[in-house]
Amino acid sequence: MGAFASLQEDEAVQAVLALLDPETPPRRIDLEPLGGVGHLPAAPEGVTLLHLDDAEDKAPGFGMAEVGAARFPTGELGLGQTGVALHSMKPGRRHPFGHQHGEAEELYVVLAGSGRAKLDDEVVELGERDALRVGPRVKRAFEGGPEGLELLVVGPRREGDGELLPGWWS
């Protein structure tokens, strides 16, 4: 009772109570989550096959042509809920910017080569067949090792969720 009594004396609680109709006491409504995919669009029907090297290389448009290739075949594959990217980095080259997401987590899988990832203030070594999960709000950038680095990136598709961080890992 002691905690409840102290709430009765709280000015903010009193201000809220003053707004309530004394003839109609507040009532509690219990809700049960229904689950499901929430605000995600419905996945397209059917099947799509694409050789990832056939996806458009967008590295030149990001000022990354000298770093390697950056392919984002999400649209070409007709993906509605999943984002996918293939990054091929030349030996010793580093992304000219970092990025982060507000909501989405991403999975980075090293297909070939080795390199390093800067994750906030930590730098980790990556080798072939390593899988790295990066949660929302973690700043990230990558650098190719002596033989280069090829990364497959997979995560939920959330338009407008990414933020580029120019010069973050200089």
N, C-alpha and C. Protein backbone atom coordinates (compact mmCIF):
# COMPACT_ATOMS: atom_id res chain seq x y z
N MET A 1 0.81 -1.20 0.00
CA MET A 1 0.00 0.00 0.00
C MET A 1 0.85 1.25 0.00
N GLY A 2 2.07 1.16 0.53
CA GLY A 2 2.91 2.34 0.64
C GLY A 2 3.21 2.98 -0.70
N ALA A 3 3.53 2.17 -1.72
CA ALA A 3 3.85 2.70 -3.05
C ALA A 3 2.63 3.36 -3.66
N PHE A 4 1.46 2.75 -3.50
CA PHE A 4 0.24 3.32 -4.05
C PHE A 4 -0.09 4.64 -3.37
N ALA A 5 0.09 4.69 -2.08
CA ALA A 5 -0.19 5.93 -1.33
C ALA A 5 0.70 7.06 -1.81
N SER A 6 1.96 6.76 -2.08
CA SER A 6 2.86 7.83 -2.54
C SER A 6 2.47 8.30 -3.95
N LEU A 7 1.91 7.39 -4.78
CA LEU A 7 1.43 7.81 -6.10
C LEU A 7 0.26 8.77 -5.97
N GLN A 8 -0.61 8.54 -4.99
CA GLN A 8 -1.76 9.41 -4.79
C GLN A 8 -1.33 10.85 -4.49
N GLU A 9 -0.13 11.01 -3.92
CA GLU A 9 0.36 12.34 -3.56
C GLU A 9 1.19 12.97 -4.68
N ASP A 10 1.51 12.22 -5.72
CA ASP A 10 2.32 12.72 -6.82
C ASP A 10 1.53 13.76 -7.63
N GLU A 11 2.14 14.92 -7.91
CA GLU A 11 1.46 16.00 -8.63
C GLU A 11 1.06 15.59 -10.04
N ALA A 12 1.93 14.85 -10.74
CA ALA A 12 1.61 14.42 -12.11
C ALA A 12 0.42 13.47 -12.11
N VAL A 13 0.37 12.55 -11.13
CA VAL A 13 -0.75 11.62 -11.03
C VAL A 13 -2.02 12.40 -10.73
N GLN A 14 -1.94 13.38 -9.86
CA GLN A 14 -3.10 14.19 -9.51
C GLN A 14 -3.61 14.96 -10.74
N ALA A 15 -2.69 15.45 -11.59
CA ALA A 15 -3.09 16.18 -12.79
C ALA A 15 -3.84 15.27 -13.75
N VAL A 16 -3.40 14.03 -13.89
CA VAL A 16 -4.08 13.08 -14.76
C VAL A 16 -5.44 12.71 -14.18
N LEU A 17 -5.48 12.43 -12.90
CA LEU A 17 -6.74 12.08 -12.25
C LEU A 17 -7.77 13.19 -12.38
N ALA A 18 -7.33 14.45 -12.36
CA ALA A 18 -8.24 15.59 -12.49
C ALA A 18 -8.90 15.62 -13.86
N LEU A 19 -8.26 15.04 -14.86
CA LEU A 19 -8.82 15.01 -16.21
C LEU A 19 -9.86 13.91 -16.40
N LEU A 20 -9.88 12.94 -15.52
CA LEU A 20 -10.79 11.82 -15.64
C LEU A 20 -12.18 12.17 -15.15
N ASP A 21 -13.19 11.60 -15.76
CA ASP A 21 -14.57 11.79 -15.33
C ASP A 21 -14.81 10.97 -14.07
N PRO A 22 -15.14 11.60 -12.97
CA PRO A 22 -15.32 10.86 -11.71
C PRO A 22 -16.50 9.88 -11.76
N GLU A 23 -17.43 10.09 -12.69
CA GLU A 23 -18.58 9.20 -12.83
C GLU A 23 -18.23 7.93 -13.61
N THR A 24 -17.15 7.99 -14.38
CA THR A 24 -16.74 6.84 -15.19
C THR A 24 -15.31 6.48 -14.83
N PRO A 25 -15.14 5.52 -13.96
CA PRO A 25 -13.77 5.16 -13.55
C PRO A 25 -12.98 4.56 -14.72
N PRO A 26 -11.66 4.72 -14.71
CA PRO A 26 -10.86 4.13 -15.78
C PRO A 26 -10.96 2.61 -15.73
N ARG A 27 -10.83 2.00 -16.89
CA ARG A 27 -10.87 0.54 -16.93
C ARG A 27 -9.66 0.02 -17.68
N ARG A 28 -9.31 -1.17 -17.38
CA ARG A 28 -8.15 -1.81 -17.99
C ARG A 28 -8.61 -2.68 -19.16
N ILE A 29 -7.88 -2.59 -20.27
CA ILE A 29 -8.17 -3.42 -21.43
C ILE A 29 -6.93 -4.24 -21.72
N ASP A 30 -7.06 -5.55 -21.66
CA ASP A 30 -5.95 -6.44 -21.97
C ASP A 30 -5.99 -6.80 -23.45
N LEU A 31 -4.88 -6.62 -24.14
CA LEU A 31 -4.79 -6.93 -25.56
C LEU A 31 -3.90 -8.14 -25.76
N GLU A 32 -4.22 -8.92 -26.74
CA GLU A 32 -3.42 -10.10 -27.07
C GLU A 32 -2.81 -9.89 -28.44
N PRO A 33 -1.45 -9.86 -28.53
CA PRO A 33 -0.82 -9.69 -29.84
C PRO A 33 -1.20 -10.85 -30.76
N LEU A 34 -1.48 -10.52 -32.01
CA LEU A 34 -1.87 -11.55 -32.96
C LEU A 34 -0.68 -12.14 -33.70
N GLY A 35 0.47 -11.48 -33.65
CA GLY A 35 1.66 -11.99 -34.35
C GLY A 35 1.60 -11.64 -35.82
N GLY A 36 2.36 -12.37 -36.60
CA GLY A 36 2.38 -12.11 -38.04
C GLY A 36 3.53 -11.21 -38.41
N VAL A 37 3.49 -10.70 -39.62
CA VAL A 37 4.61 -9.94 -40.16
C VAL A 37 4.48 -8.45 -39.97
N GLY A 38 3.42 -7.99 -39.32
CA GLY A 38 3.29 -6.57 -39.04
C GLY A 38 3.15 -5.74 -40.29
N HIS A 39 3.97 -4.70 -40.40
CA HIS A 39 3.86 -3.73 -41.49
C HIS A 39 4.61 -4.14 -42.76
N LEU A 40 5.15 -5.34 -42.82
CA LEU A 40 5.88 -5.77 -44.01
C LEU A 40 4.92 -6.04 -45.15
N PRO A 41 5.32 -5.72 -46.38
CA PRO A 41 4.45 -6.03 -47.53
C PRO A 41 4.41 -7.54 -47.75
N ALA A 42 3.36 -7.98 -48.42
CA ALA A 42 3.24 -9.41 -48.73
C ALA A 42 4.36 -9.81 -49.68
N ALA A 43 4.90 -10.99 -49.48
CA ALA A 43 5.96 -11.49 -50.36
C ALA A 43 5.37 -11.83 -51.72
N PRO A 44 6.09 -11.51 -52.80
CA PRO A 44 5.61 -11.86 -54.13
C PRO A 44 5.53 -13.37 -54.32
N GLU A 45 4.60 -13.80 -55.12
CA GLU A 45 4.44 -15.22 -55.44
C GLU A 45 5.52 -15.62 -56.45
N GLY A 46 5.78 -16.92 -56.56
CA GLY A 46 6.65 -17.43 -57.61
C GLY A 46 8.10 -17.57 -57.21
N VAL A 47 8.95 -17.70 -58.23
CA VAL A 47 10.37 -17.97 -58.05
C VAL A 47 11.16 -17.05 -58.99
N THR A 48 12.32 -16.57 -58.54
CA THR A 48 13.22 -15.77 -59.37
C THR A 48 14.63 -16.32 -59.22
N LEU A 49 15.32 -16.49 -60.34
CA LEU A 49 16.71 -16.95 -60.34
C LEU A 49 17.56 -15.87 -60.97
N LEU A 50 18.64 -15.51 -60.31
CA LEU A 50 19.55 -14.48 -60.81
C LEU A 50 20.96 -14.85 -60.40
N HIS A 51 21.89 -14.84 -61.34
CA HIS A 51 23.30 -14.98 -60.99
C HIS A 51 23.73 -13.64 -60.43
N LEU A 52 24.26 -13.62 -59.21
CA LEU A 52 24.54 -12.35 -58.54
C LEU A 52 25.48 -11.44 -59.31
N ASP A 53 26.40 -12.02 -60.08
CA ASP A 53 27.30 -11.18 -60.88
C ASP A 53 26.58 -10.46 -62.01
N ASP A 54 25.35 -10.89 -62.33
CA ASP A 54 24.56 -10.22 -63.36
C ASP A 54 23.78 -9.03 -62.83
N ALA A 55 23.71 -8.88 -61.51
CA ALA A 55 23.04 -7.71 -60.92
C ALA A 55 23.88 -6.47 -61.20
N GLU A 56 23.20 -5.35 -61.33
CA GLU A 56 23.88 -4.09 -61.64
C GLU A 56 24.89 -3.72 -60.56
N ASP A 57 26.09 -3.35 -60.98
CA ASP A 57 27.13 -2.87 -60.05
C ASP A 57 26.88 -1.39 -59.80
N LYS A 58 26.55 -1.06 -58.58
CA LYS A 58 26.23 0.32 -58.23
C LYS A 58 27.41 1.04 -57.58
N ALA A 59 28.55 0.38 -57.48
CA ALA A 59 29.73 1.00 -56.86
C ALA A 59 30.10 2.33 -57.51
N PRO A 60 30.12 2.44 -58.86
CA PRO A 60 30.49 3.73 -59.45
C PRO A 60 29.58 4.88 -59.01
N GLY A 61 28.30 4.62 -58.84
CA GLY A 61 27.36 5.65 -58.41
C GLY A 61 27.57 6.09 -56.97
N PHE A 62 28.22 5.25 -56.17
CA PHE A 62 28.52 5.58 -54.77
C PHE A 62 29.96 6.08 -54.61
N GLY A 63 30.66 6.31 -55.74
CA GLY A 63 32.06 6.72 -55.67
C GLY A 63 32.97 5.62 -55.18
N MET A 64 32.59 4.36 -55.45
CA MET A 64 33.34 3.22 -54.93
C MET A 64 33.95 2.35 -56.03
N ALA A 65 34.01 2.83 -57.27
CA ALA A 65 34.53 2.00 -58.37
C ALA A 65 35.95 1.52 -58.09
N GLU A 66 36.78 2.35 -57.47
CA GLU A 66 38.16 1.96 -57.19
C GLU A 66 38.26 1.00 -55.99
N VAL A 67 37.18 0.89 -55.21
CA VAL A 67 37.15 0.02 -54.04
C VAL A 67 36.75 -1.40 -54.43
N GLY A 68 35.80 -1.52 -55.35
CA GLY A 68 35.31 -2.83 -55.76
C GLY A 68 33.92 -2.72 -56.35
N ALA A 69 33.12 -3.76 -56.17
CA ALA A 69 31.77 -3.80 -56.72
C ALA A 69 30.75 -3.83 -55.59
N ALA A 70 29.59 -3.25 -55.84
CA ALA A 70 28.49 -3.24 -54.88
C ALA A 70 27.20 -3.53 -55.63
N ARG A 71 26.68 -4.71 -55.42
CA ARG A 71 25.46 -5.14 -56.12
C ARG A 71 24.34 -5.29 -55.11
N PHE A 72 23.18 -4.74 -55.45
CA PHE A 72 22.00 -4.77 -54.59
C PHE A 72 20.85 -5.37 -55.39
N PRO A 73 20.81 -6.70 -55.54
CA PRO A 73 19.83 -7.34 -56.42
C PRO A 73 18.44 -7.53 -55.83
N THR A 74 18.12 -6.83 -54.76
CA THR A 74 16.82 -6.97 -54.11
C THR A 74 15.69 -6.78 -55.12
N GLY A 75 15.72 -5.69 -55.86
CA GLY A 75 14.68 -5.41 -56.85
C GLY A 75 14.72 -6.38 -58.01
N GLU A 76 15.92 -6.70 -58.50
CA GLU A 76 16.06 -7.61 -59.63
C GLU A 76 15.56 -9.01 -59.28
N LEU A 77 15.64 -9.37 -58.00
CA LEU A 77 15.13 -10.67 -57.57
C LEU A 77 13.63 -10.62 -57.24
N GLY A 78 13.07 -9.41 -57.20
CA GLY A 78 11.67 -9.27 -56.86
C GLY A 78 11.38 -9.50 -55.39
N LEU A 79 12.38 -9.26 -54.54
CA LEU A 79 12.21 -9.47 -53.10
C LEU A 79 11.33 -8.38 -52.50
N GLY A 80 10.35 -8.76 -51.71
CA GLY A 80 9.46 -7.80 -51.07
C GLY A 80 9.79 -7.55 -49.62
N GLN A 81 10.38 -8.54 -48.93
CA GLN A 81 10.61 -8.42 -47.50
C GLN A 81 12.08 -8.53 -47.10
N THR A 82 12.91 -9.00 -48.02
CA THR A 82 14.31 -9.27 -47.70
C THR A 82 15.22 -8.41 -48.58
N GLY A 83 16.21 -7.80 -47.95
CA GLY A 83 17.22 -7.07 -48.70
C GLY A 83 18.46 -7.94 -48.84
N VAL A 84 19.13 -7.84 -49.98
CA VAL A 84 20.35 -8.61 -50.20
C VAL A 84 21.35 -7.74 -50.98
N ALA A 85 22.62 -7.93 -50.66
CA ALA A 85 23.67 -7.19 -51.35
C ALA A 85 24.89 -8.10 -51.48
N LEU A 86 25.68 -7.84 -52.51
CA LEU A 86 26.95 -8.53 -52.70
C LEU A 86 28.02 -7.46 -52.87
N HIS A 87 28.98 -7.44 -51.95
CA HIS A 87 30.08 -6.48 -52.00
C HIS A 87 31.37 -7.23 -52.28
N SER A 88 32.09 -6.79 -53.29
CA SER A 88 33.41 -7.34 -53.60
C SER A 88 34.41 -6.21 -53.45
N MET A 89 35.34 -6.38 -52.52
CA MET A 89 36.30 -5.32 -52.25
C MET A 89 37.69 -5.75 -52.69
N LYS A 90 38.39 -4.85 -53.33
CA LYS A 90 39.75 -5.12 -53.78
C LYS A 90 40.69 -5.20 -52.58
N PRO A 91 41.84 -5.87 -52.74
CA PRO A 91 42.79 -5.98 -51.62
C PRO A 91 43.18 -4.62 -51.04
N GLY A 92 43.10 -4.53 -49.72
CA GLY A 92 43.53 -3.33 -49.01
C GLY A 92 42.62 -2.12 -49.17
N ARG A 93 41.49 -2.26 -49.86
CA ARG A 93 40.60 -1.11 -50.06
C ARG A 93 39.53 -1.09 -48.98
N ARG A 94 39.09 0.10 -48.63
CA ARG A 94 38.13 0.31 -47.55
C ARG A 94 36.94 1.08 -48.10
N HIS A 95 35.75 0.80 -47.56
CA HIS A 95 34.58 1.59 -47.94
C HIS A 95 34.85 3.06 -47.63
N PRO A 96 34.47 3.96 -48.53
CA PRO A 96 34.70 5.39 -48.27
C PRO A 96 33.72 5.98 -47.26
N PHE A 97 32.80 5.19 -46.80
CA PHE A 97 31.83 5.64 -45.80
C PHE A 97 31.36 4.45 -44.99
N GLY A 98 30.87 4.72 -43.80
CA GLY A 98 30.21 3.69 -43.02
C GLY A 98 28.72 3.85 -43.17
N HIS A 99 27.96 3.00 -42.53
CA HIS A 99 26.52 3.17 -42.49
C HIS A 99 25.96 2.49 -41.25
N GLN A 100 24.71 2.82 -40.97
CA GLN A 100 24.00 2.19 -39.86
C GLN A 100 22.51 2.17 -40.21
N HIS A 101 21.78 1.32 -39.51
CA HIS A 101 20.34 1.22 -39.68
C HIS A 101 19.66 1.53 -38.36
N GLY A 102 18.49 2.14 -38.42
CA GLY A 102 17.74 2.45 -37.21
C GLY A 102 16.98 1.26 -36.66
N GLU A 103 16.52 0.36 -37.56
CA GLU A 103 15.70 -0.77 -37.12
C GLU A 103 16.24 -2.12 -37.57
N ALA A 104 16.84 -2.18 -38.74
CA ALA A 104 17.19 -3.47 -39.34
C ALA A 104 18.51 -4.02 -38.81
N GLU A 105 18.53 -5.34 -38.64
CA GLU A 105 19.79 -6.04 -38.40
C GLU A 105 20.22 -6.62 -39.74
N GLU A 106 21.51 -6.84 -39.90
CA GLU A 106 22.04 -7.42 -41.13
C GLU A 106 22.96 -8.58 -40.80
N LEU A 107 23.02 -9.52 -41.73
CA LEU A 107 23.93 -10.64 -41.63
C LEU A 107 24.93 -10.52 -42.77
N TYR A 108 26.22 -10.48 -42.44
CA TYR A 108 27.31 -10.41 -43.41
C TYR A 108 28.00 -11.77 -43.43
N VAL A 109 28.08 -12.39 -44.60
CA VAL A 109 28.73 -13.69 -44.75
C VAL A 109 29.91 -13.51 -45.69
N VAL A 110 31.11 -13.89 -45.22
CA VAL A 110 32.31 -13.79 -46.05
C VAL A 110 32.32 -14.99 -47.00
N LEU A 111 32.12 -14.71 -48.29
CA LEU A 111 32.12 -15.78 -49.30
C LEU A 111 33.54 -16.13 -49.71
N ALA A 112 34.39 -15.12 -49.80
CA ALA A 112 35.77 -15.34 -50.23
C ALA A 112 36.66 -14.25 -49.64
N GLY A 113 37.94 -14.58 -49.49
CA GLY A 113 38.91 -13.61 -49.02
C GLY A 113 38.85 -13.39 -47.52
N SER A 114 39.35 -12.23 -47.13
CA SER A 114 39.38 -11.84 -45.73
C SER A 114 39.35 -10.33 -45.66
N GLY A 115 39.26 -9.82 -44.45
CA GLY A 115 39.25 -8.37 -44.28
C GLY A 115 38.96 -8.01 -42.84
N ARG A 116 38.52 -6.78 -42.68
CA ARG A 116 38.20 -6.28 -41.34
C ARG A 116 36.88 -5.52 -41.41
N ALA A 117 36.21 -5.50 -40.27
CA ALA A 117 34.99 -4.71 -40.12
C ALA A 117 35.18 -3.78 -38.94
N LYS A 118 34.82 -2.51 -39.14
CA LYS A 118 34.78 -1.58 -38.01
C LYS A 118 33.33 -1.52 -37.57
N LEU A 119 33.10 -1.86 -36.31
CA LEU A 119 31.76 -1.91 -35.72
C LEU A 119 31.75 -0.98 -34.52
N ASP A 120 31.15 0.20 -34.68
CA ASP A 120 31.26 1.28 -33.70
C ASP A 120 32.74 1.54 -33.45
N ASP A 121 33.26 1.30 -32.25
CA ASP A 121 34.66 1.59 -31.95
C ASP A 121 35.55 0.36 -31.98
N GLU A 122 35.02 -0.78 -32.43
CA GLU A 122 35.78 -2.03 -32.44
C GLU A 122 36.08 -2.46 -33.87
N VAL A 123 37.27 -2.99 -34.09
CA VAL A 123 37.64 -3.54 -35.39
C VAL A 123 37.81 -5.04 -35.23
N VAL A 124 37.12 -5.82 -36.08
CA VAL A 124 37.21 -7.28 -36.01
C VAL A 124 37.74 -7.83 -37.33
N GLU A 125 38.50 -8.91 -37.22
CA GLU A 125 39.05 -9.61 -38.39
C GLU A 125 37.99 -10.56 -38.93
N LEU A 126 37.91 -10.65 -40.25
CA LEU A 126 36.96 -11.53 -40.91
C LEU A 126 37.69 -12.48 -41.83
N GLY A 127 37.27 -13.74 -41.86
CA GLY A 127 37.84 -14.74 -42.75
C GLY A 127 36.74 -15.47 -43.50
N GLU A 128 37.15 -16.24 -44.48
CA GLU A 128 36.22 -16.98 -45.31
C GLU A 128 35.26 -17.83 -44.46
N ARG A 129 33.99 -17.77 -44.82
CA ARG A 129 32.88 -18.47 -44.17
C ARG A 129 32.53 -17.91 -42.79
N ASP A 130 33.09 -16.78 -42.41
CA ASP A 130 32.64 -16.12 -41.18
C ASP A 130 31.28 -15.49 -41.44
N ALA A 131 30.43 -15.53 -40.43
CA ALA A 131 29.12 -14.89 -40.48
C ALA A 131 29.07 -13.87 -39.35
N LEU A 132 28.74 -12.64 -39.67
CA LEU A 132 28.73 -11.53 -38.71
C LEU A 132 27.35 -10.91 -38.69
N ARG A 133 26.68 -10.98 -37.54
CA ARG A 133 25.39 -10.30 -37.37
C ARG A 133 25.65 -8.92 -36.79
N VAL A 134 25.04 -7.91 -37.40
CA VAL A 134 25.19 -6.54 -36.92
C VAL A 134 23.79 -6.00 -36.63
N GLY A 135 23.58 -5.60 -35.39
CA GLY A 135 22.27 -5.12 -34.97
C GLY A 135 22.01 -3.68 -35.37
N PRO A 136 20.77 -3.23 -35.17
CA PRO A 136 20.42 -1.85 -35.48
C PRO A 136 21.30 -0.86 -34.70
N ARG A 137 21.52 0.28 -35.29
CA ARG A 137 22.24 1.41 -34.70
C ARG A 137 23.74 1.18 -34.54
N VAL A 138 24.26 0.03 -34.95
CA VAL A 138 25.71 -0.19 -34.91
C VAL A 138 26.30 0.39 -36.20
N LYS A 139 27.25 1.30 -36.05
CA LYS A 139 27.95 1.85 -37.22
C LYS A 139 28.87 0.77 -37.77
N ARG A 140 28.96 0.69 -39.12
CA ARG A 140 29.78 -0.36 -39.72
C ARG A 140 30.41 0.10 -41.01
N ALA A 141 31.60 -0.45 -41.26
CA ALA A 141 32.32 -0.26 -42.52
C ALA A 141 33.28 -1.44 -42.67
N PHE A 142 33.73 -1.69 -43.91
CA PHE A 142 34.53 -2.89 -44.19
C PHE A 142 35.76 -2.53 -45.00
N GLU A 143 36.78 -3.42 -44.88
CA GLU A 143 38.05 -3.24 -45.58
C GLU A 143 38.50 -4.61 -46.08
N GLY A 144 38.94 -4.65 -47.34
CA GLY A 144 39.42 -5.90 -47.91
C GLY A 144 40.81 -6.25 -47.41
N GLY A 145 41.05 -7.56 -47.22
CA GLY A 145 42.36 -8.05 -46.81
C GLY A 145 43.29 -8.22 -47.99
N PRO A 146 44.41 -8.93 -47.82
CA PRO A 146 45.42 -9.07 -48.87
C PRO A 146 44.90 -9.69 -50.18
N GLU A 147 43.88 -10.57 -50.08
CA GLU A 147 43.32 -11.17 -51.29
C GLU A 147 41.94 -10.60 -51.64
N GLY A 148 41.54 -9.53 -50.97
CA GLY A 148 40.23 -8.93 -51.20
C GLY A 148 39.19 -9.53 -50.26
N LEU A 149 37.98 -9.07 -50.39
CA LEU A 149 36.89 -9.49 -49.52
C LEU A 149 35.60 -9.53 -50.32
N GLU A 150 34.89 -10.65 -50.27
CA GLU A 150 33.59 -10.76 -50.91
C GLU A 150 32.56 -11.07 -49.83
N LEU A 151 31.58 -10.17 -49.68
CA LEU A 151 30.56 -10.27 -48.63
C LEU A 151 29.18 -10.41 -49.23
N LEU A 152 28.42 -11.37 -48.72
CA LEU A 152 26.99 -11.46 -49.02
C LEU A 152 26.27 -10.87 -47.81
N VAL A 153 25.38 -9.92 -48.05
CA VAL A 153 24.68 -9.22 -46.97
C VAL A 153 23.18 -9.51 -47.10
N VAL A 154 22.56 -9.90 -46.00
CA VAL A 154 21.13 -10.21 -46.00
C VAL A 154 20.49 -9.56 -44.78
N GLY A 155 19.31 -9.00 -44.97
CA GLY A 155 18.58 -8.41 -43.86
C GLY A 155 17.17 -8.07 -44.28
N PRO A 156 16.33 -7.62 -43.34
CA PRO A 156 14.97 -7.24 -43.69
C PRO A 156 14.99 -5.99 -44.56
N ARG A 157 14.06 -5.91 -45.48
CA ARG A 157 13.97 -4.75 -46.37
C ARG A 157 13.15 -3.68 -45.66
N ARG A 158 13.79 -2.57 -45.37
CA ARG A 158 13.14 -1.44 -44.72
C ARG A 158 13.57 -0.18 -45.44
N GLU A 159 12.75 0.27 -46.38
CA GLU A 159 13.08 1.46 -47.17
C GLU A 159 13.35 2.66 -46.26
N GLY A 160 14.42 3.39 -46.54
CA GLY A 160 14.74 4.60 -45.80
C GLY A 160 15.34 4.38 -44.43
N ASP A 161 15.69 3.13 -44.09
CA ASP A 161 16.21 2.83 -42.76
C ASP A 161 17.72 3.02 -42.66
N GLY A 162 18.42 3.17 -43.77
CA GLY A 162 19.88 3.28 -43.72
C GLY A 162 20.35 4.72 -43.67
N GLU A 163 21.46 4.94 -42.98
CA GLU A 163 22.09 6.26 -42.91
C GLU A 163 23.55 6.11 -43.29
N LEU A 164 23.98 6.85 -44.34
CA LEU A 164 25.39 6.84 -44.75
C LEU A 164 26.18 7.75 -43.83
N LEU A 165 27.42 7.33 -43.53
CA LEU A 165 28.30 8.08 -42.63
C LEU A 165 29.62 8.36 -43.36
N PRO A 166 29.65 9.40 -44.21
CA PRO A 166 30.85 9.69 -45.01
C PRO A 166 32.08 9.90 -44.13
N GLY A 167 33.21 9.28 -44.55
CA GLY A 167 34.48 9.46 -43.86
C GLY A 167 34.53 8.89 -42.46
N TRP A 168 33.58 8.04 -42.10
CA TRP A 168 33.51 7.53 -40.74
C TRP A 168 34.72 6.69 -40.36
N TRP A 169 35.24 5.88 -41.28
CA TRP A 169 36.44 5.06 -41.00
C TRP A 169 37.52 5.53 -41.97
N SER A 170 38.14 6.61 -41.63
CA SER A 170 39.15 7.21 -42.53
C SER A 170 40.54 6.69 -42.23
